[in-house]
N, C-alpha and C. Protein backbone atom coordinates (compact mmCIF):
# COMPACT_ATOMS: atom_id res chain seq x y z
N MET A 1 40.80 72.40 30.60
CA MET A 1 40.84 73.24 28.88
C MET A 1 41.50 71.85 27.89
N ASP A 2 39.86 71.85 26.86
CA ASP A 2 40.19 70.38 25.98
C ASP A 2 40.52 71.51 24.31
N ILE A 3 41.69 71.32 24.05
CA ILE A 3 41.68 72.06 22.66
C ILE A 3 40.82 71.81 21.60
N GLU A 4 40.64 70.39 21.78
CA GLU A 4 39.39 70.10 20.72
C GLU A 4 37.78 70.74 20.70
N LYS A 5 37.88 70.22 22.25
CA LYS A 5 36.55 70.86 22.75
C LYS A 5 36.42 72.52 22.22
N PHE A 6 37.31 73.06 22.69
CA PHE A 6 37.70 74.34 22.31
C PHE A 6 37.44 74.93 20.59
N ILE A 7 38.20 74.29 19.60
CA ILE A 7 37.79 74.00 18.33
C ILE A 7 36.67 73.96 17.89
N VAL A 8 35.84 73.12 18.37
CA VAL A 8 34.36 72.78 18.20
C VAL A 8 33.92 74.32 18.32
N GLU A 9 33.56 74.44 19.66
CA GLU A 9 33.28 75.74 20.15
C GLU A 9 33.61 76.90 19.40
N PHE A 10 34.61 77.39 19.30
CA PHE A 10 34.96 78.29 17.75
C PHE A 10 34.47 78.15 17.17
N ALA A 11 34.84 77.18 15.93
CA ALA A 11 33.85 76.74 14.71
C ALA A 11 32.44 76.88 14.70
N ASP A 12 31.85 77.21 16.12
CA ASP A 12 30.20 76.63 15.70
C ASP A 12 29.98 78.46 15.85
N GLN A 13 30.89 79.44 15.94
CA GLN A 13 30.83 80.54 15.72
C GLN A 13 30.36 81.00 14.24
N TYR A 14 31.22 80.65 13.56
CA TYR A 14 30.54 80.54 12.11
C TYR A 14 29.41 80.17 11.59
N ASP A 15 29.08 80.95 11.36
CA ASP A 15 26.60 80.24 10.85
C ASP A 15 26.93 79.42 9.77
N GLU A 16 27.26 79.82 8.49
CA GLU A 16 27.22 78.57 7.24
C GLU A 16 28.34 77.91 6.94
N ILE A 17 29.34 77.48 7.72
CA ILE A 17 30.70 76.89 7.30
C ILE A 17 30.31 75.26 7.81
N GLU A 18 31.35 74.12 7.31
CA GLU A 18 31.35 73.25 7.91
C GLU A 18 32.69 73.31 9.11
N THR A 19 32.86 72.51 10.06
CA THR A 19 33.41 73.12 11.04
C THR A 19 34.32 71.89 11.40
N ASP A 20 34.37 70.35 10.31
CA ASP A 20 35.43 69.75 9.81
C ASP A 20 36.81 69.88 9.87
N GLY A 21 36.92 71.38 9.21
CA GLY A 21 38.07 71.81 8.59
C GLY A 21 38.99 72.41 9.86
N PHE A 22 38.68 72.46 10.82
CA PHE A 22 38.80 73.26 11.68
C PHE A 22 39.96 72.83 12.22
N GLY A 23 41.03 73.11 12.83
CA GLY A 23 42.34 72.87 13.74
C GLY A 23 43.12 73.99 14.72
N PRO A 24 43.66 73.63 15.69
CA PRO A 24 44.75 74.52 16.24
C PRO A 24 45.66 75.24 15.24
N ASP A 25 45.94 74.96 14.14
CA ASP A 25 46.44 75.91 13.18
C ASP A 25 45.55 76.94 12.42
N THR A 26 44.44 76.44 12.27
CA THR A 26 43.33 77.38 11.39
C THR A 26 43.67 78.80 11.45
N LYS A 27 44.00 79.42 10.55
CA LYS A 27 43.84 80.99 10.56
C LYS A 27 42.74 81.62 10.23
N PHE A 28 41.73 81.60 11.43
CA PHE A 28 40.30 81.83 11.60
C PHE A 28 39.96 83.01 10.65
N LYS A 29 41.03 84.28 10.64
CA LYS A 29 40.28 85.65 10.00
C LYS A 29 40.44 84.98 8.47
N GLU A 30 41.23 84.29 7.85
CA GLU A 30 41.37 84.44 6.69
C GLU A 30 40.07 83.56 5.95
N ASN A 31 39.23 83.24 6.57
CA ASN A 31 37.76 82.48 6.12
C ASN A 31 37.01 83.35 6.07
N GLU A 32 36.50 83.41 4.62
CA GLU A 32 35.64 84.23 4.07
C GLU A 32 34.43 84.69 4.90
N GLU A 33 33.46 83.59 5.90
CA GLU A 33 32.83 84.08 7.06
C GLU A 33 33.37 84.73 8.40
N TRP A 34 34.48 85.04 8.25
CA TRP A 34 35.37 85.84 9.66
C TRP A 34 34.53 87.27 9.40
N SER A 35 33.93 87.66 10.82
CA SER A 35 33.20 89.28 10.49
C SER A 35 33.54 89.76 11.74
N SER A 36 33.47 90.84 12.06
CA SER A 36 33.10 92.00 13.52
C SER A 36 32.29 90.66 14.03
N MET A 37 31.12 90.40 13.39
CA MET A 37 30.32 89.79 14.39
C MET A 37 30.73 88.44 14.61
N THR A 38 31.82 87.74 14.22
CA THR A 38 32.18 86.50 14.58
C THR A 38 33.04 86.89 15.12
N ALA A 39 33.63 87.47 15.66
CA ALA A 39 34.84 88.17 16.63
C ALA A 39 33.96 88.24 18.03
N LEU A 40 32.78 88.86 17.94
CA LEU A 40 32.04 89.33 19.28
C LEU A 40 31.42 88.01 19.65
N SER A 41 31.12 87.12 18.74
CA SER A 41 30.73 85.94 18.76
C SER A 41 31.40 84.83 19.84
N VAL A 42 32.63 84.98 19.34
CA VAL A 42 33.64 84.22 20.12
C VAL A 42 34.29 84.87 21.49
N ILE A 43 33.91 85.74 21.44
CA ILE A 43 34.15 86.66 22.77
C ILE A 43 33.05 86.41 24.08
N ALA A 44 31.91 86.35 23.18
CA ALA A 44 30.99 85.87 24.06
C ALA A 44 31.13 84.32 24.09
N MET A 45 31.33 83.54 23.44
CA MET A 45 31.51 82.05 23.91
C MET A 45 32.66 82.00 24.78
N VAL A 46 33.78 82.63 24.96
CA VAL A 46 34.88 82.34 25.53
C VAL A 46 34.45 82.76 27.46
N ASP A 47 34.00 83.68 27.20
CA ASP A 47 32.95 84.12 28.14
C ASP A 47 32.30 83.22 29.22
N ASP A 48 31.22 82.84 27.73
CA ASP A 48 29.83 81.62 28.75
C ASP A 48 30.60 80.54 29.02
N SER A 49 31.47 80.28 28.04
CA SER A 49 32.26 79.13 28.21
C SER A 49 33.24 78.95 29.21
N TYR A 50 33.93 79.55 29.44
CA TYR A 50 35.49 79.59 30.36
C TYR A 50 35.50 80.83 31.54
N SER A 51 34.29 81.46 31.49
CA SER A 51 34.90 82.87 32.71
C SER A 51 36.12 83.46 32.17
N VAL A 52 36.09 83.45 31.55
CA VAL A 52 37.40 84.21 30.54
C VAL A 52 37.16 85.55 29.89
N ARG A 53 37.77 86.74 30.32
CA ARG A 53 37.34 87.84 29.02
C ARG A 53 38.75 87.81 28.36
N LEU A 54 38.43 87.80 27.00
CA LEU A 54 38.95 87.94 25.82
C LEU A 54 38.66 89.36 24.98
N THR A 55 39.74 90.10 25.05
CA THR A 55 39.22 91.37 24.70
C THR A 55 38.98 91.32 22.81
N GLY A 56 38.79 92.59 22.13
CA GLY A 56 39.20 92.70 20.89
C GLY A 56 40.47 92.60 20.66
N ASP A 57 41.21 93.45 21.34
CA ASP A 57 42.60 93.05 20.62
C ASP A 57 43.36 91.58 20.85
N ASP A 58 43.17 91.09 21.79
CA ASP A 58 43.54 89.77 21.73
C ASP A 58 43.08 88.83 20.72
N VAL A 59 41.54 89.27 20.54
CA VAL A 59 41.52 88.56 18.58
C VAL A 59 42.37 89.19 17.46
N ARG A 60 42.34 90.41 17.65
CA ARG A 60 42.97 90.80 16.59
C ARG A 60 44.20 90.77 16.67
N LYS A 61 44.75 90.42 17.63
CA LYS A 61 46.82 89.97 17.89
C LYS A 61 46.87 88.10 17.52
N SER A 62 45.65 87.54 17.67
CA SER A 62 45.74 86.14 16.84
C SER A 62 45.52 85.97 15.41
N SER A 63 46.57 84.85 15.08
CA SER A 63 46.51 84.75 13.81
C SER A 63 46.08 83.19 13.47
N THR A 64 45.55 82.27 14.66
CA THR A 64 45.31 81.25 14.29
C THR A 64 44.37 80.48 15.94
N ILE A 65 43.69 79.75 15.90
CA ILE A 65 42.95 79.05 16.93
C ILE A 65 43.67 78.80 18.32
N GLN A 66 45.02 78.59 18.09
CA GLN A 66 45.95 77.69 18.82
C GLN A 66 45.98 79.22 19.97
N GLU A 67 46.57 80.05 19.05
CA GLU A 67 46.87 81.52 19.71
C GLU A 67 45.49 81.53 20.78
N VAL A 68 44.47 82.09 20.26
CA VAL A 68 43.18 82.20 20.85
C VAL A 68 43.34 81.37 22.09
N TYR A 69 43.26 80.09 22.43
CA TYR A 69 43.49 79.24 23.24
C TYR A 69 44.23 78.92 24.11
N ASP A 70 45.30 79.56 23.79
CA ASP A 70 46.44 80.02 24.43
C ASP A 70 46.39 80.92 25.60
N ILE A 71 45.77 82.16 25.12
CA ILE A 71 45.15 83.68 25.85
C ILE A 71 44.17 82.68 26.92
N VAL A 72 43.09 82.10 26.26
CA VAL A 72 42.19 81.37 27.26
C VAL A 72 42.51 80.61 28.44
N ALA A 73 43.48 79.52 28.00
CA ALA A 73 43.99 78.82 28.96
C ALA A 73 45.19 79.75 29.99
N SER A 74 45.87 80.46 29.32
CA SER A 74 46.55 81.26 30.87
C SER A 74 45.70 81.88 31.40
N ARG A 75 44.76 82.72 30.98
CA ARG A 75 44.16 83.11 31.78
C ARG A 75 43.05 82.48 32.91
N ILE A 76 42.56 81.15 32.32
CA ILE A 76 42.10 80.21 33.67
C ILE A 76 42.94 79.86 34.26
N ASN A 77 44.43 79.98 34.20
CA ASN A 77 45.11 78.93 35.22
C ASN A 77 45.96 79.85 35.98
N SER A 78 45.43 81.65 35.93
CA SER A 78 45.99 82.33 36.53
C SER A 78 45.42 83.14 37.45
């Protein structure tokens, strides 16, 4: 699993925002475009792309893209 690819896929869940500014330390919930719909899109993207079940609780407990990535990576490797 590649963090850079994950960041691009994560950023693509935002409708009207440039994805250039996203990185591992991006606090994704601080973005004005973040919404419950974006959260559901991220959960669906993780399921489709990585066959990993990410929960709403996982997203709520995470602050950065890196934290979400770490959860997904740990479930792929388990």
